[in-house]
Amino acid sequence: MPTVTRQGDRRRKLRPFQSALVARVYLREHTALARIAAGFGISESTAPAYPGAVVDPLAERSPDPLKTLRGHQPGFVLLDGAPAECDRVGDGRAGYSRKHRRHGVNVQVVTDPGGRPVWLSPALPGRAYDLPAALLCCPSDVRYEAWEPYFGCIRV
């Protein structure tokens, strides 16, 4: 029977502040989990749980993008796709981008005119091009107006 421990329990290896540091190092520095585990003195098998324990509650509290857009009432928003390089996992063909010649994921980002992120798409396979990816996962209330290779403009 597995043992369930709470955030401040003495059986837990790291305190809440250290858990947040593990997540920050993982997300900000892109350090491998094996190195993080060695640095913080935790097991490699439990290292992936720490970033998830920090990111999941933050994702639940994030505002709805359409409510945010309607609250700010910008005249337009910017849409751009950003490839993020990653290791090949499972089916290597789905994540391989011929355009960038590497494995990765494609993330669509909607920002307000000031450049502040309003919405991020889920990670799509790297072979997905920007325009089809944007049409696939962009919120349906946002109407597509124009597209240029490196800059998209969406009227709301």
Protein backbone atom coordinates (compact mmCIF):
# COMPACT_ATOMS: atom_id res chain seq x y z
CA MET A 1 0.00 0.00 0.00
CA PRO A 2 1.54 3.34 -1.03
CA THR A 3 2.20 5.97 1.59
CA VAL A 4 0.56 9.34 0.95
CA THR A 5 2.43 12.31 2.36
CA ARG A 6 1.27 15.89 2.72
CA GLN A 7 3.24 18.96 1.73
CA GLY A 8 4.75 19.61 5.19
CA ASP A 9 5.05 15.99 6.33
CA ARG A 10 8.35 14.86 7.87
CA ARG A 11 8.43 11.82 5.55
CA ARG A 12 8.65 14.13 2.55
CA LYS A 13 12.23 14.82 1.46
CA LEU A 14 11.85 18.48 0.45
CA ARG A 15 10.04 21.33 2.17
CA PRO A 16 7.56 23.45 0.14
CA PHE A 17 10.14 26.17 -0.57
CA GLN A 18 12.61 23.61 -1.90
CA SER A 19 9.87 22.03 -4.02
CA ALA A 20 9.25 25.43 -5.59
CA LEU A 21 13.00 25.77 -6.24
CA VAL A 22 13.06 22.40 -7.99
CA ALA A 23 10.21 23.53 -10.25
CA ARG A 24 11.88 26.85 -10.95
CA VAL A 25 15.21 25.26 -11.84
CA TYR A 26 13.46 22.77 -14.09
CA LEU A 27 11.30 25.34 -15.90
CA ARG A 28 13.73 28.23 -16.05
CA GLU A 29 17.10 26.58 -16.58
CA HIS A 30 15.90 23.49 -18.51
CA THR A 31 18.15 21.34 -16.36
CA ALA A 32 17.80 17.58 -16.71
CA LEU A 33 15.82 15.92 -13.93
CA ALA A 34 18.74 13.61 -13.11
CA ARG A 35 20.96 16.62 -12.34
CA ILE A 36 18.19 18.29 -10.32
CA ALA A 37 17.68 15.10 -8.33
CA ALA A 38 21.40 14.90 -7.57
CA GLY A 39 21.56 18.57 -6.61
CA PHE A 40 18.62 18.46 -4.22
CA GLY A 41 19.36 14.98 -2.87
CA ILE A 42 16.13 13.37 -4.08
CA SER A 43 15.46 10.24 -6.08
CA GLU A 44 15.42 10.42 -9.87
CA SER A 45 12.07 8.65 -9.89
CA THR A 46 10.40 11.29 -7.70
CA ALA A 47 12.03 14.33 -9.35
CA PRO A 48 9.32 14.72 -12.05
CA ALA A 49 6.63 15.00 -9.37
CA TYR A 50 7.98 18.25 -7.93
CA PRO A 51 7.55 20.52 -11.01
CA GLY A 52 4.10 19.06 -11.61
CA ALA A 53 3.07 19.71 -8.02
CA VAL A 54 3.93 23.39 -8.47
CA VAL A 55 2.72 23.98 -12.04
CA ASP A 56 -0.66 22.19 -11.83
CA PRO A 57 -2.18 24.46 -9.12
CA LEU A 58 -0.92 27.54 -10.99
CA ALA A 59 -2.51 26.33 -14.22
CA GLU A 60 -5.84 25.80 -12.46
CA ARG A 61 -5.79 29.39 -11.19
CA SER A 62 -4.91 30.96 -14.55
CA PRO A 63 -7.66 33.14 -16.02
CA ASP A 64 -9.72 32.20 -19.05
CA PRO A 65 -8.08 33.80 -22.11
CA LEU A 66 -11.31 35.06 -23.64
CA LYS A 67 -12.38 36.72 -20.39
CA THR A 68 -8.97 38.35 -20.19
CA LEU A 69 -9.24 39.62 -23.77
CA ARG A 70 -12.72 41.01 -23.21
CA GLY A 71 -11.62 42.67 -19.97
CA HIS A 72 -8.72 44.51 -21.63
CA GLN A 73 -10.58 45.23 -24.90
CA PRO A 74 -7.52 45.41 -27.16
CA GLY A 75 -8.13 46.38 -30.78
CA PHE A 76 -6.03 43.45 -31.89
CA VAL A 77 -3.88 40.65 -30.51
CA LEU A 78 -0.72 39.07 -31.86
CA LEU A 79 -0.45 35.39 -32.73
CA ASP A 80 2.88 33.65 -33.15
CA GLY A 81 4.01 30.05 -33.14
CA ALA A 82 7.19 29.13 -31.34
CA PRO A 83 8.99 25.82 -31.82
CA ALA A 84 10.44 24.42 -28.62
CA GLU A 85 13.21 21.87 -29.00
CA CYS A 86 12.86 18.63 -27.02
CA ASP A 87 14.15 15.09 -26.92
CA ARG A 88 12.55 12.50 -29.16
CA VAL A 89 10.06 10.40 -27.23
CA GLY A 90 8.02 7.55 -28.72
CA ASP A 91 7.12 8.24 -32.34
CA GLY A 92 9.99 10.37 -33.60
CA ARG A 93 8.27 11.29 -36.86
CA ALA A 94 5.46 13.25 -35.18
CA GLY A 95 7.83 15.57 -33.35
CA TYR A 96 10.32 16.15 -36.16
CA SER A 97 10.07 19.54 -37.85
CA ARG A 98 11.51 19.51 -41.36
CA LYS A 99 11.49 23.30 -41.40
CA HIS A 100 13.67 23.59 -38.29
CA ARG A 101 15.42 20.21 -38.79
CA ARG A 102 15.07 19.06 -35.21
CA HIS A 103 12.64 17.39 -32.84
CA GLY A 104 10.33 19.57 -30.81
CA VAL A 105 6.85 20.83 -30.10
CA ASN A 106 4.93 23.76 -31.58
CA VAL A 107 3.32 26.18 -29.12
CA GLN A 108 0.98 28.95 -30.30
CA VAL A 109 1.04 32.16 -28.25
CA VAL A 110 -1.57 34.94 -28.26
CA THR A 111 -0.35 38.23 -26.79
CA ASP A 112 -1.90 41.65 -26.32
CA PRO A 113 -0.39 44.63 -28.19
CA GLY A 114 2.08 45.20 -25.33
CA GLY A 115 3.49 41.68 -25.72
CA ARG A 116 2.00 40.20 -22.53
CA PRO A 117 0.92 36.57 -23.05
CA VAL A 118 -2.83 36.07 -22.95
CA TRP A 119 -3.15 32.49 -24.14
CA LEU A 120 -0.85 29.53 -24.79
CA SER A 121 -1.87 26.53 -26.84
CA PRO A 122 -1.21 23.00 -25.70
CA ALA A 123 2.04 21.58 -27.06
CA LEU A 124 1.48 20.24 -30.56
CA PRO A 125 3.83 17.93 -32.47
CA GLY A 126 6.77 19.73 -34.05
CA ARG A 127 5.70 18.80 -37.58
CA ALA A 128 2.57 20.98 -37.25
CA TYR A 129 3.03 24.25 -39.12
CA ASP A 130 2.03 27.55 -37.54
CA LEU A 131 -1.13 28.36 -39.51
CA PRO A 132 -2.85 24.94 -39.26
CA ALA A 133 -1.82 24.72 -35.60
CA ALA A 134 -3.30 28.15 -34.91
CA LEU A 135 -6.56 27.31 -36.67
CA LEU A 136 -6.74 23.99 -34.85
CA CYS A 137 -6.30 25.20 -31.30
CA CYS A 138 -7.01 28.95 -31.22
CA PRO A 139 -10.15 29.88 -29.24
CA SER A 140 -13.22 29.76 -31.49
CA ASP A 141 -14.46 33.21 -30.44
CA VAL A 142 -11.34 34.81 -31.85
CA ARG A 143 -11.84 35.45 -35.56
CA TYR A 144 -8.93 34.95 -37.92
CA GLU A 145 -8.23 38.02 -40.07
CA ALA A 146 -4.78 37.98 -41.63
CA TRP A 147 -1.61 35.97 -41.61
CA GLU A 148 1.94 36.88 -42.51
CA PRO A 149 4.82 34.41 -42.20
CA TYR A 150 6.18 35.62 -38.86
CA PHE A 151 3.41 37.85 -37.60
CA GLY A 152 -0.28 37.16 -37.19
CA CYS A 153 -2.99 39.68 -36.47
CA ILE A 154 -6.34 38.62 -35.02
CA ARG A 155 -9.21 41.03 -34.55
CA VAL A 156 -11.36 40.40 -31.47
